[in-house]
Amino acid sequence: MAYYLYRWTYKDPAIQAMRETPQDRPAQLRKAVEAFDGKLHQFFYALGDIDGIAIVEFPDNESCVACSLTLTGAGGTTSLVTTALLSPEEGYRAMQKAKATTTGYKTPVGYSSHG
């Protein structure tokens, strides 16, 4: 199973509806995630340029995208951004792979590295 970060911004009418009728939004998200064989690990409301975040887990990318499409298609958000997350172990293995792999990649001409 893979982990993902959902970040969203509600539409104004959705915010108005939650103000007028307080709701258990984590329970609603949980229903959608579980319908695609996923698991909701964390749900937070946020201050700033986004209204909420959630850490979710799905068996594969397709299930995550299917859930994202369902959530976005429902029409309550102006944006839903999905970010794939790597465990520390996966990050370490990626670092090892990067060290062990020769690619021949060159930076753009005229670029000077930092430091």
PDB file of N, CA and C in Angstrom:
ATOM      1  N   MET A   1       0.858  -1.180   0.000  1.00  0.00           N
ATOM      2  CA  MET A   1       0.000   0.000   0.000  1.00  0.00           C
ATOM      3  C   MET A   1       0.903   1.242   0.000  1.00  0.00           C
ATOM      4  N   ALA A   2       0.446   2.267  -0.691  1.00  0.00           N
ATOM      5  CA  ALA A   2       1.208   3.507  -0.814  1.00  0.00           C
ATOM      6  C   ALA A   2       0.468   4.645  -0.111  1.00  0.00           C
ATOM      7  N   TYR A   3       1.242   5.607   0.377  1.00  0.00           N
ATOM      8  CA  TYR A   3       0.692   6.762   1.080  1.00  0.00           C
ATOM      9  C   TYR A   3       0.626   7.973   0.154  1.00  0.00           C
ATOM     10  N   TYR A   4      -0.393   8.796   0.388  1.00  0.00           N
ATOM     11  CA  TYR A   4      -0.601  10.003  -0.401  1.00  0.00           C
ATOM     12  C   TYR A   4      -1.040  11.132   0.518  1.00  0.00           C
ATOM     13  N   LEU A   5      -0.739  12.345   0.095  1.00  0.00           N
ATOM     14  CA  LEU A   5      -1.206  13.545   0.781  1.00  0.00           C
ATOM     15  C   LEU A   5      -2.260  14.191  -0.099  1.00  0.00           C
ATOM     16  N   TYR A   6      -3.440  14.384   0.451  1.00  0.00           N
ATOM     17  CA  TYR A   6      -4.481  15.173  -0.215  1.00  0.00           C
ATOM     18  C   TYR A   6      -4.464  16.570   0.404  1.00  0.00           C
ATOM     19  N   ARG A   7      -4.513  17.601  -0.449  1.00  0.00           N
ATOM     20  CA  ARG A   7      -4.649  18.992  -0.005  1.00  0.00           C
ATOM     21  C   ARG A   7      -5.789  19.599  -0.801  1.00  0.00           C
ATOM     22  N   TRP A   8      -6.707  20.278  -0.122  1.00  0.00           N
ATOM     23  CA  TRP A   8      -7.866  20.808  -0.849  1.00  0.00           C
ATOM     24  C   TRP A   8      -8.268  22.178  -0.330  1.00  0.00           C
ATOM     25  N   THR A   9      -9.043  22.840  -1.190  1.00  0.00           N
ATOM     26  CA  THR A   9      -9.661  24.120  -0.862  1.00  0.00           C
ATOM     27  C   THR A   9     -11.146  23.986  -1.180  1.00  0.00           C
ATOM     28  N   TYR A  10     -11.981  24.307  -0.193  1.00  0.00           N
ATOM     29  CA  TYR A  10     -13.425  24.215  -0.384  1.00  0.00           C
ATOM     30  C   TYR A  10     -13.941  25.405  -1.189  1.00  0.00           C
ATOM     31  N   LYS A  11     -15.004  25.190  -1.936  1.00  0.00           N
ATOM     32  CA  LYS A  11     -15.727  26.288  -2.587  1.00  0.00           C
ATOM     33  C   LYS A  11     -16.491  27.060  -1.518  1.00  0.00           C
ATOM     34  N   ASP A  12     -16.745  28.332  -1.769  1.00  0.00           N
ATOM     35  CA  ASP A  12     -17.464  29.166  -0.804  1.00  0.00           C
ATOM     36  C   ASP A  12     -18.813  28.579  -0.384  1.00  0.00           C
ATOM     37  N   PRO A  13     -19.637  28.068  -1.315  1.00  0.00           N
ATOM     38  CA  PRO A  13     -20.915  27.481  -0.894  1.00  0.00           C
ATOM     39  C   PRO A  13     -20.736  26.283   0.053  1.00  0.00           C
ATOM     40  N   ALA A  14     -19.657  25.508  -0.131  1.00  0.00           N
ATOM     41  CA  ALA A  14     -19.402  24.374   0.771  1.00  0.00           C
ATOM     42  C   ALA A  14     -19.041  24.875   2.167  1.00  0.00           C
ATOM     43  N   ILE A  15     -18.258  25.938   2.235  1.00  0.00           N
ATOM     44  CA  ILE A  15     -17.903  26.527   3.537  1.00  0.00           C
ATOM     45  C   ILE A  15     -19.152  27.058   4.218  1.00  0.00           C
ATOM     46  N   GLN A  16     -20.005  27.727   3.460  1.00  0.00           N
ATOM     47  CA  GLN A  16     -21.262  28.250   4.005  1.00  0.00           C
ATOM     48  C   GLN A  16     -22.127  27.108   4.543  1.00  0.00           C
ATOM     49  N   ALA A  17     -22.202  26.008   3.797  1.00  0.00           N
ATOM     50  CA  ALA A  17     -23.006  24.857   4.225  1.00  0.00           C
ATOM     51  C   ALA A  17     -22.465  24.266   5.524  1.00  0.00           C
ATOM     52  N   MET A  18     -21.136  24.191   5.662  1.00  0.00           N
ATOM     53  CA  MET A  18     -20.544  23.653   6.899  1.00  0.00           C
ATOM     54  C   MET A  18     -20.768  24.592   8.083  1.00  0.00           C
ATOM     55  N   ARG A  19     -20.806  25.900   7.795  1.00  0.00           N
ATOM     56  CA  ARG A  19     -21.075  26.868   8.866  1.00  0.00           C
ATOM     57  C   ARG A  19     -22.515  26.752   9.335  1.00  0.00           C
ATOM     58  N   GLU A  20     -23.428  26.623   8.384  1.00  0.00           N
ATOM     59  CA  GLU A  20     -24.844  26.545   8.721  1.00  0.00           C
ATOM     60  C   GLU A  20     -25.227  25.197   9.325  1.00  0.00           C
ATOM     61  N   THR A  21     -24.582  24.134   8.846  1.00  0.00           N
ATOM     62  CA  THR A  21     -24.860  22.782   9.329  1.00  0.00           C
ATOM     63  C   THR A  21     -23.531  22.077   9.586  1.00  0.00           C
ATOM     64  N   PRO A  22     -22.977  22.223  10.787  1.00  0.00           N
ATOM     65  CA  PRO A  22     -21.697  21.568  11.089  1.00  0.00           C
ATOM     66  C   PRO A  22     -21.756  20.074  10.754  1.00  0.00           C
ATOM     67  N   GLN A  23     -20.674  19.576  10.177  1.00  0.00           N
ATOM     68  CA  GLN A  23     -20.650  18.222   9.632  1.00  0.00           C
ATOM     69  C   GLN A  23     -19.370  17.495  10.009  1.00  0.00           C
ATOM     70  N   ASP A  24     -19.436  16.175  10.013  1.00  0.00           N
ATOM     71  CA  ASP A  24     -18.268  15.337  10.252  1.00  0.00           C
ATOM     72  C   ASP A  24     -17.611  15.052   8.909  1.00  0.00           C
ATOM     73  N   ARG A  25     -16.800  15.983   8.428  1.00  0.00           N
ATOM     74  CA  ARG A  25     -16.163  15.831   7.116  1.00  0.00           C
ATOM     75  C   ARG A  25     -15.155  14.685   7.080  1.00  0.00           C
ATOM     76  N   PRO A  26     -14.403  14.422   8.166  1.00  0.00           N
ATOM     77  CA  PRO A  26     -13.513  13.252   8.109  1.00  0.00           C
ATOM     78  C   PRO A  26     -14.271  11.956   7.849  1.00  0.00           C
ATOM     79  N   ALA A  27     -15.455  11.808   8.412  1.00  0.00           N
ATOM     80  CA  ALA A  27     -16.245  10.590   8.182  1.00  0.00           C
ATOM     81  C   ALA A  27     -16.640  10.475   6.713  1.00  0.00           C
ATOM     82  N   GLN A  28     -16.948  11.601   6.082  1.00  0.00           N
ATOM     83  CA  GLN A  28     -17.317  11.580   4.664  1.00  0.00           C
ATOM     84  C   GLN A  28     -16.113  11.214   3.798  1.00  0.00           C
ATOM     85  N   LEU A  29     -14.961  11.783   4.120  1.00  0.00           N
ATOM     86  CA  LEU A  29     -13.759  11.436   3.367  1.00  0.00           C
ATOM     87  C   LEU A  29     -13.420   9.958   3.577  1.00  0.00           C
ATOM     88  N   ARG A  30     -13.540   9.482   4.799  1.00  0.00           N
ATOM     89  CA  ARG A  30     -13.257   8.077   5.097  1.00  0.00           C
ATOM     90  C   ARG A  30     -14.118   7.152   4.226  1.00  0.00           C
ATOM     91  N   LYS A  31     -15.402   7.476   4.077  1.00  0.00           N
ATOM     92  CA  LYS A  31     -16.292   6.663   3.238  1.00  0.00           C
ATOM     93  C   LYS A  31     -15.770   6.577   1.804  1.00  0.00           C
ATOM     94  N   ALA A  32     -15.362   7.709   1.263  1.00  0.00           N
ATOM     95  CA  ALA A  32     -14.875   7.732  -0.118  1.00  0.00           C
ATOM     96  C   ALA A  32     -13.575   6.941  -0.248  1.00  0.00           C
ATOM     97  N   VAL A  33     -12.660   7.147   0.672  1.00  0.00           N
ATOM     98  CA  VAL A  33     -11.363   6.465   0.617  1.00  0.00           C
ATOM     99  C   VAL A  33     -11.550   4.951   0.751  1.00  0.00           C
ATOM    100  N   GLU A  34     -12.356   4.532   1.703  1.00  0.00           N
ATOM    101  CA  GLU A  34     -12.569   3.101   1.920  1.00  0.00           C
ATOM    102  C   GLU A  34     -13.285   2.428   0.757  1.00  0.00           C
ATOM    103  N   ALA A  35     -14.089   3.171   0.021  1.00  0.00           N
ATOM    104  CA  ALA A  35     -14.768   2.615  -1.152  1.00  0.00           C
ATOM    105  C   ALA A  35     -13.770   2.177  -2.218  1.00  0.00           C
ATOM    106  N   PHE A  36     -12.571   2.754  -2.186  1.00  0.00           N
ATOM    107  CA  PHE A  36     -11.515   2.404  -3.140  1.00  0.00           C
ATOM    108  C   PHE A  36     -10.413   1.588  -2.458  1.00  0.00           C
ATOM    109  N   ASP A  37     -10.802   0.856  -1.400  1.00  0.00           N
ATOM    110  CA  ASP A  37      -9.888  -0.025  -0.657  1.00  0.00           C
ATOM    111  C   ASP A  37      -8.741   0.728  -0.004  1.00  0.00           C
ATOM    112  N   GLY A  38      -8.983   1.998   0.341  1.00  0.00           N
ATOM    113  CA  GLY A  38      -7.964   2.798   0.989  1.00  0.00           C
ATOM    114  C   GLY A  38      -8.229   2.965   2.472  1.00  0.00           C
ATOM    115  N   LYS A  39      -7.353   3.713   3.098  1.00  0.00           N
ATOM    116  CA  LYS A  39      -7.470   3.989   4.527  1.00  0.00           C
ATOM    117  C   LYS A  39      -7.139   5.458   4.776  1.00  0.00           C
ATOM    118  N   LEU A  40      -7.980   6.120   5.551  1.00  0.00           N
ATOM    119  CA  LEU A  40      -7.723   7.494   5.971  1.00  0.00           C
ATOM    120  C   LEU A  40      -6.926   7.436   7.272  1.00  0.00           C
ATOM    121  N   HIS A  41      -5.706   7.965   7.258  1.00  0.00           N
ATOM    122  CA  HIS A  41      -4.853   7.945   8.449  1.00  0.00           C
ATOM    123  C   HIS A  41      -4.990   9.217   9.281  1.00  0.00           C
ATOM    124  N   GLN A  42      -5.020  10.363   8.611  1.00  0.00           N
ATOM    125  CA  GLN A  42      -5.112  11.643   9.321  1.00  0.00           C
ATOM    126  C   GLN A  42      -5.952  12.614   8.502  1.00  0.00           C
ATOM    127  N   PHE A  43      -6.644  13.482   9.200  1.00  0.00           N
ATOM    128  CA  PHE A  43      -7.444  14.537   8.563  1.00  0.00           C
ATOM    129  C   PHE A  43      -7.236  15.790   9.395  1.00  0.00           C
ATOM    130  N   PHE A  44      -6.887  16.888   8.746  1.00  0.00           N
ATOM    131  CA  PHE A  44      -6.716  18.159   9.443  1.00  0.00           C
ATOM    132  C   PHE A  44      -7.349  19.278   8.627  1.00  0.00           C
ATOM    133  N   TYR A  45      -7.995  20.208   9.316  1.00  0.00           N
ATOM    134  CA  TYR A  45      -8.354  21.470   8.696  1.00  0.00           C
ATOM    135  C   TYR A  45      -7.106  22.335   8.760  1.00  0.00           C
ATOM    136  N   ALA A  46      -6.991  23.302   7.865  1.00  0.00           N
ATOM    137  CA  ALA A  46      -5.780  24.107   7.801  1.00  0.00           C
ATOM    138  C   ALA A  46      -6.117  25.585   7.655  1.00  0.00           C
ATOM    139  N   LEU A  47      -5.215  26.406   8.107  1.00  0.00           N
ATOM    140  CA  LEU A  47      -5.305  27.850   7.934  1.00  0.00           C
ATOM    141  C   LEU A  47      -4.332  28.246   6.833  1.00  0.00           C
ATOM    142  N   GLY A  48      -4.721  29.192   6.006  1.00  0.00           N
ATOM    143  CA  GLY A  48      -3.824  29.642   4.947  1.00  0.00           C
ATOM    144  C   GLY A  48      -4.415  29.411   3.575  1.00  0.00           C
ATOM    145  N   ASP A  49      -3.574  28.997   2.641  1.00  0.00           N
ATOM    146  CA  ASP A  49      -4.027  28.878   1.253  1.00  0.00           C
ATOM    147  C   ASP A  49      -4.756  27.581   0.960  1.00  0.00           C
ATOM    148  N   ILE A  50      -4.824  26.663   1.921  1.00  0.00           N
ATOM    149  CA  ILE A  50      -5.618  25.445   1.766  1.00  0.00           C
ATOM    150  C   ILE A  50      -6.539  25.309   2.969  1.00  0.00           C
ATOM    151  N   ASP A  51      -7.620  24.564   2.787  1.00  0.00           N
ATOM    152  CA  ASP A  51      -8.594  24.388   3.869  1.00  0.00           C
ATOM    153  C   ASP A  51      -8.420  23.077   4.625  1.00  0.00           C
ATOM    154  N   GLY A  52      -7.765  22.102   3.997  1.00  0.00           N
ATOM    155  CA  GLY A  52      -7.597  20.832   4.682  1.00  0.00           C
ATOM    156  C   GLY A  52      -6.548  19.961   4.052  1.00  0.00           C
ATOM    157  N   ILE A  53      -6.050  19.023   4.864  1.00  0.00           N
ATOM    158  CA  ILE A  53      -5.116  18.016   4.371  1.00  0.00           C
ATOM    159  C   ILE A  53      -5.500  16.661   4.964  1.00  0.00           C
ATOM    160  N   ALA A  54      -5.127  15.613   4.264  1.00  0.00           N
ATOM    161  CA  ALA A  54      -5.342  14.264   4.765  1.00  0.00           C
ATOM    162  C   ALA A  54      -4.196  13.380   4.298  1.00  0.00           C
ATOM    163  N   ILE A  55      -3.812  12.459   5.159  1.00  0.00           N
ATOM    164  CA  ILE A  55      -2.876  11.407   4.790  1.00  0.00           C
ATOM    165  C   ILE A  55      -3.727  10.166   4.546  1.00  0.00           C
ATOM    166  N   VAL A  56      -3.637   9.632   3.340  1.00  0.00           N
ATOM    167  CA  VAL A  56      -4.432   8.471   2.959  1.00  0.00           C
ATOM    168  C   VAL A  56      -3.505   7.383   2.423  1.00  0.00           C
ATOM    169  N   GLU A  57      -4.012   6.173   2.401  1.00  0.00           N
ATOM    170  CA  GLU A  57      -3.244   5.038   1.907  1.00  0.00           C
ATOM    171  C   GLU A  57      -4.130   4.253   0.940  1.00  0.00           C
ATOM    172  N   PHE A  58      -3.553   3.881  -0.199  1.00  0.00           N
ATOM    173  CA  PHE A  58      -4.286   3.106  -1.204  1.00  0.00           C
ATOM    174  C   PHE A  58      -3.418   1.958  -1.690  1.00  0.00           C
ATOM    175  N   PRO A  59      -4.046   0.908  -2.220  1.00  0.00           N
ATOM    176  CA  PRO A  59      -3.266  -0.225  -2.710  1.00  0.00           C
ATOM    177  C   PRO A  59      -2.463   0.092  -3.976  1.00  0.00           C
ATOM    178  N   ASP A  60      -2.874   1.124  -4.727  1.00  0.00           N
ATOM    179  CA  ASP A  60      -2.180   1.457  -5.973  1.00  0.00           C
ATOM    180  C   ASP A  60      -2.576   2.861  -6.419  1.00  0.00           C
ATOM    181  N   ASN A  61      -1.831   3.378  -7.396  1.00  0.00           N
ATOM    182  CA  ASN A  61      -2.097   4.726  -7.918  1.00  0.00           C
ATOM    183  C   ASN A  61      -3.491   4.845  -8.505  1.00  0.00           C
ATOM    184  N   GLU A  62      -3.951   3.806  -9.201  1.00  0.00           N
ATOM    185  CA  GLU A  62      -5.260   3.869  -9.846  1.00  0.00           C
ATOM    186  C   GLU A  62      -6.376   4.079  -8.822  1.00  0.00           C
ATOM    187  N   SER A  63      -6.282   3.394  -7.687  1.00  0.00           N
ATOM    188  CA  SER A  63      -7.300   3.555  -6.646  1.00  0.00           C
ATOM    189  C   SER A  63      -7.273   4.970  -6.076  1.00  0.00           C
ATOM    190  N   CYS A  64      -6.065   5.499  -5.890  1.00  0.00           N
ATOM    191  CA  CYS A  64      -5.938   6.873  -5.391  1.00  0.00           C
ATOM    192  C   CYS A  64      -6.542   7.871  -6.369  1.00  0.00           C
ATOM    193  N   VAL A  65      -6.223   7.708  -7.648  1.00  0.00           N
ATOM    194  CA  VAL A  65      -6.745   8.627  -8.663  1.00  0.00           C
ATOM    195  C   VAL A  65      -8.260   8.493  -8.790  1.00  0.00           C
ATOM    196  N   ALA A  66      -8.768   7.277  -8.721  1.00  0.00           N
ATOM    197  CA  ALA A  66     -10.218   7.076  -8.796  1.00  0.00           C
ATOM    198  C   ALA A  66     -10.922   7.794  -7.652  1.00  0.00           C
ATOM    199  N   CYS A  67     -10.349   7.714  -6.462  1.00  0.00           N
ATOM    200  CA  CYS A  67     -10.929   8.424  -5.315  1.00  0.00           C
ATOM    201  C   CYS A  67     -10.835   9.936  -5.525  1.00  0.00           C
ATOM    202  N   SER A  68      -9.683  10.405  -5.985  1.00  0.00           N
ATOM    203  CA  SER A  68      -9.508  11.836  -6.249  1.00  0.00           C
ATOM    204  C   SER A  68     -10.529  12.344  -7.258  1.00  0.00           C
ATOM    205  N   LEU A  69     -10.757  11.562  -8.310  1.00  0.00           N
ATOM    206  CA  LEU A  69     -11.752  11.949  -9.320  1.00  0.00           C
ATOM    207  C   LEU A  69     -13.145  12.029  -8.709  1.00  0.00           C
ATOM    208  N   THR A  70     -13.457  11.084  -7.837  1.00  0.00           N
ATOM    209  CA  THR A  70     -14.757  11.076  -7.172  1.00  0.00           C
ATOM    210  C   THR A  70     -14.925  12.308  -6.294  1.00  0.00           C
ATOM    211  N   LEU A  71     -13.892  12.623  -5.522  1.00  0.00           N
ATOM    212  CA  LEU A  71     -13.958  13.782  -4.624  1.00  0.00           C
ATOM    213  C   LEU A  71     -14.069  15.083  -5.415  1.00  0.00           C
ATOM    214  N   THR A  72     -13.243  15.234  -6.439  1.00  0.00           N
ATOM    215  CA  THR A  72     -13.275  16.451  -7.250  1.00  0.00           C
ATOM    216  C   THR A  72     -14.594  16.554  -8.007  1.00  0.00           C
ATOM    217  N   GLY A  73     -15.055  15.442  -8.524  1.00  0.00           N
ATOM    218  CA  GLY A  73     -16.305  15.427  -9.285  1.00  0.00           C
ATOM    219  C   GLY A  73     -17.525  15.756  -8.453  1.00  0.00           C
ATOM    220  N   ALA A  74     -17.436  15.592  -7.149  1.00  0.00           N
ATOM    221  CA  ALA A  74     -18.569  15.910  -6.272  1.00  0.00           C
ATOM    222  C   ALA A  74     -18.846  17.411  -6.245  1.00  0.00           C
ATOM    223  N   GLY A  75     -17.828  18.223  -6.570  1.00  0.00           N
ATOM    224  CA  GLY A  75     -18.049  19.654  -6.734  1.00  0.00           C
ATOM    225  C   GLY A  75     -17.921  20.532  -5.509  1.00  0.00           C
ATOM    226  N   GLY A  76     -17.450  20.008  -4.389  1.00  0.00           N
ATOM    227  CA  GLY A  76     -17.354  20.829  -3.186  1.00  0.00           C
ATOM    228  C   GLY A  76     -16.044  21.565  -3.013  1.00  0.00           C
ATOM    229  N   THR A  77     -15.083  21.274  -3.899  1.00  0.00           N
ATOM    230  CA  THR A  77     -13.771  21.901  -3.760  1.00  0.00           C
ATOM    231  C   THR A  77     -13.395  22.679  -5.018  1.00  0.00           C
ATOM    232  N   THR A  78     -12.546  23.671  -4.827  1.00  0.00           N
ATOM    233  CA  THR A  78     -11.995  24.389  -5.981  1.00  0.00           C
ATOM    234  C   THR A  78     -10.711  23.728  -6.435  1.00  0.00           C
ATOM    235  N   SER A  79     -10.078  22.985  -5.526  1.00  0.00           N
ATOM    236  CA  SER A  79      -8.867  22.258  -5.890  1.00  0.00           C
ATOM    237  C   SER A  79      -8.677  21.073  -4.958  1.00  0.00           C
ATOM    238  N   LEU A  80      -8.104  20.027  -5.497  1.00  0.00           N
ATOM    239  CA  LEU A  80      -7.673  18.870  -4.728  1.00  0.00           C
ATOM    240  C   LEU A  80      -6.342  18.451  -5.333  1.00  0.00           C
ATOM    241  N   VAL A  81      -5.287  18.574  -4.553  1.00  0.00           N
ATOM    242  CA  VAL A  81      -3.946  18.234  -5.017  1.00  0.00           C
ATOM    243  C   VAL A  81      -3.521  16.953  -4.319  1.00  0.00           C
ATOM    244  N   THR A  82      -3.023  16.006  -5.095  1.00  0.00           N
ATOM    245  CA  THR A  82      -2.571  14.728  -4.560  1.00  0.00           C
ATOM    246  C   THR A  82      -1.063  14.629  -4.716  1.00  0.00           C
ATOM    247  N   THR A  83      -0.389  14.263  -3.633  1.00  0.00           N
ATOM    248  CA  THR A  83       1.055  14.093  -3.638  1.00  0.00           C
ATOM    249  C   THR A  83       1.383  12.687  -3.155  1.00  0.00           C
ATOM    250  N   ALA A  84       2.153  11.948  -3.942  1.00  0.00           N
ATOM    251  CA  ALA A  84       2.610  10.625  -3.510  1.00  0.00           C
ATOM    252  C   ALA A  84       3.672  10.811  -2.433  1.00  0.00           C
ATOM    253  N   LEU A  85       3.602  10.002  -1.396  1.00  0.00           N
ATOM    254  CA  LEU A  85       4.548  10.090  -0.284  1.00  0.00           C
ATOM    255  C   LEU A  85       5.418   8.843  -0.235  1.00  0.00           C
ATOM    256  N   LEU A  86       6.664   9.027   0.160  1.00  0.00           N
ATOM    257  CA  LEU A  86       7.596   7.916   0.313  1.00  0.00           C
ATOM    258  C   LEU A  86       7.929   7.739   1.787  1.00  0.00           C
ATOM    259  N   SER A  87       8.026   6.504   2.211  1.00  0.00           N
ATOM    260  CA  SER A  87       8.462   6.234   3.584  1.00  0.00           C
ATOM    261  C   SER A  87       9.948   6.574   3.689  1.00  0.00           C
ATOM    262  N   PRO A  88      10.476   6.729   4.906  1.00  0.00           N
ATOM    263  CA  PRO A  88      11.922   6.954   5.040  1.00  0.00           C
ATOM    264  C   PRO A  88      12.742   5.835   4.390  1.00  0.00           C
ATOM    265  N   GLU A  89      12.268   4.601   4.502  1.00  0.00           N
ATOM    266  CA  GLU A  89      12.983   3.479   3.899  1.00  0.00           C
ATOM    267  C   GLU A  89      13.008   3.599   2.378  1.00  0.00           C
ATOM    268  N   GLU A  90      11.868   3.973   1.789  1.00  0.00           N
ATOM    269  CA  GLU A  90      11.820   4.154   0.339  1.00  0.00           C
ATOM    270  C   GLU A  90      12.734   5.293  -0.098  1.00  0.00           C
ATOM    271  N   GLY A  91      12.754   6.374   0.673  1.00  0.00           N
ATOM    272  CA  GLY A  91      13.645   7.488   0.367  1.00  0.00           C
ATOM    273  C   GLY A  91      15.107   7.074   0.426  1.00  0.00           C
ATOM    274  N   TYR A  92      15.474   6.281   1.419  1.00  0.00           N
ATOM    275  CA  TYR A  92      16.841   5.802   1.564  1.00  0.00           C
ATOM    276  C   TYR A  92      17.223   4.910   0.388  1.00  0.00           C
ATOM    277  N   ARG A  93      16.326   3.992   0.007  1.00  0.00           N
ATOM    278  CA  ARG A  93      16.601   3.126  -1.140  1.00  0.00           C
ATOM    279  C   ARG A  93      16.754   3.945  -2.416  1.00  0.00           C
ATOM    280  N   ALA A  94      15.966   5.014  -2.551  1.00  0.00           N
ATOM    281  CA  ALA A  94      16.093   5.889  -3.725  1.00  0.00           C
ATOM    282  C   ALA A  94      17.458   6.578  -3.728  1.00  0.00           C
ATOM    283  N   MET A  95      17.911   7.017  -2.559  1.00  0.00           N
ATOM    284  CA  MET A  95      19.237   7.641  -2.469  1.00  0.00           C
ATOM    285  C   MET A  95      20.324   6.650  -2.865  1.00  0.00           C
ATOM    286  N   GLN A  96      20.208   5.411  -2.399  1.00  0.00           N
ATOM    287  CA  GLN A  96      21.187   4.384  -2.747  1.00  0.00           C
ATOM    288  C   GLN A  96      21.176   4.109  -4.250  1.00  0.00           C
ATOM    289  N   LYS A  97      19.991   4.045  -4.818  1.00  0.00           N
ATOM    290  CA  LYS A  97      19.869   3.792  -6.255  1.00  0.00           C
ATOM    291  C   LYS A  97      20.465   4.945  -7.058  1.00  0.00           C
ATOM    292  N   ALA A  98      20.207   6.187  -6.618  1.00  0.00           N
ATOM    293  CA  ALA A  98      20.761   7.355  -7.308  1.00  0.00           C
ATOM    294  C   ALA A  98      22.290   7.327  -7.259  1.00  0.00           C
ATOM    295  N   LYS A  99      22.836   6.926  -6.115  1.00  0.00           N
ATOM    296  CA  LYS A  99      24.296   6.858  -5.970  1.00  0.00           C
ATOM    297  C   LYS A  99      24.883   5.789  -6.883  1.00  0.00           C
ATOM    298  N   ALA A 100      24.199   4.670  -7.036  1.00  0.00           N
ATOM    299  CA  ALA A 100      24.725   3.525  -7.774  1.00  0.00           C
ATOM    300  C   ALA A 100      24.475   3.599  -9.283  1.00  0.00           C
ATOM    301  N   THR A 101      23.702   4.566  -9.742  1.00  0.00           N
ATOM    302  CA  THR A 101      23.312   4.616 -11.151  1.00  0.00           C
ATOM    303  C   THR A 101      24.051   5.727 -11.880  1.00  0.00           C
ATOM    304  N   THR A 102      24.626   5.396 -13.026  1.00  0.00           N
ATOM    305  CA  THR A 102      25.270   6.382 -13.885  1.00  0.00           C
ATOM    306  C   THR A 102      24.296   6.706 -15.014  1.00  0.00           C
ATOM    307  N   THR A 103      23.933   7.976 -15.155  1.00  0.00           N
ATOM    308  CA  THR A 103      22.927   8.346 -16.157  1.00  0.00           C
ATOM    309  C   THR A 103      23.500   9.098 -17.349  1.00  0.00           C
ATOM    310  N   GLY A 104      24.599   9.805 -17.165  1.00  0.00           N
ATOM    311  CA  GLY A 104      25.118  10.644 -18.235  1.00  0.00           C
ATOM    312  C   GLY A 104      24.389  11.969 -18.340  1.00  0.00           C
ATOM    313  N   TYR A 105      23.491  12.255 -17.404  1.00  0.00           N
ATOM    314  CA  TYR A 105      22.716  13.504 -17.417  1.00  0.00           C
ATOM    315  C   TYR A 105      23.635  14.700 -17.221  1.00  0.00           C
ATOM    316  N   LYS A 106      23.371  15.781 -17.958  1.00  0.00           N
ATOM    317  CA  LYS A 106      24.122  17.035 -17.824  1.00  0.00           C
ATOM    318  C   LYS A 106      23.146  18.157 -17.533  1.00  0.00           C
ATOM    319  N   THR A 107      23.558  19.094 -16.687  1.00  0.00           N
ATOM    320  CA  THR A 107      22.716  20.251 -16.375  1.00  0.00           C
ATOM    321  C   THR A 107      22.614  21.160 -17.596  1.00  0.00           C
ATOM    322  N   PRO A 108      21.605  22.043 -17.621  1.00  0.00           N
ATOM    323  CA  PRO A 108      21.485  22.980 -18.733  1.00  0.00           C
ATOM    324  C   PRO A 108      22.740  23.849 -18.861  1.00  0.00           C
ATOM    325  N   VAL A 109      23.078  24.213 -20.089  1.00  0.00           N
ATOM    326  CA  VAL A 109      24.232  25.063 -20.355  1.00  0.00           C
ATOM    327  C   VAL A 109      24.055  26.393 -19.657  1.00  0.00           C
ATOM    328  N   GLY A 110      25.104  26.857 -18.998  1.00  0.00           N
ATOM    329  CA  GLY A 110      25.066  28.153 -18.320  1.00  0.00           C
ATOM    330  C   GLY A 110      24.618  28.072 -16.886  1.00  0.00           C
ATOM    331  N   TYR A 111      24.208  26.923 -16.419  1.00  0.00           N
ATOM    332  CA  TYR A 111      23.759  26.750 -15.035  1.00  0.00           C
ATOM    333  C   TYR A 111      24.967  26.596 -14.144  1.00  0.00           C
ATOM    334  N   SER A 112      24.999  27.342 -13.035  1.00  0.00           N
ATOM    335  CA  SER A 112      26.075  27.140 -12.065  1.00  0.00           C
ATOM    336  C   SER A 112      25.445  26.608 -10.782  1.00  0.00           C
ATOM    337  N   SER A 113      25.992  25.538 -10.268  1.00  0.00           N
ATOM    338  CA  SER A 113      25.424  24.894  -9.086  1.00  0.00           C
ATOM    339  C   SER A 113      25.572  25.762  -7.858  1.00  0.00           C
ATOM    340  N   HIS A 114      24.741  25.516  -6.852  1.00  0.00           N
ATOM    341  CA  HIS A 114      24.855  26.256  -5.606  1.00  0.00           C
ATOM    342  C   HIS A 114      25.889  25.561  -4.739  1.00  0.00           C
ATOM    343  N   GLY A 115      26.642  26.350  -4.033  1.00  0.00           N
ATOM    344  CA  GLY A 115      27.566  25.818  -3.046  1.00  0.00           C
ATOM    345  C   GLY A 115      28.814  25.395  -3.654  1.00  0.00           C
TER     346      GLY A 115
END
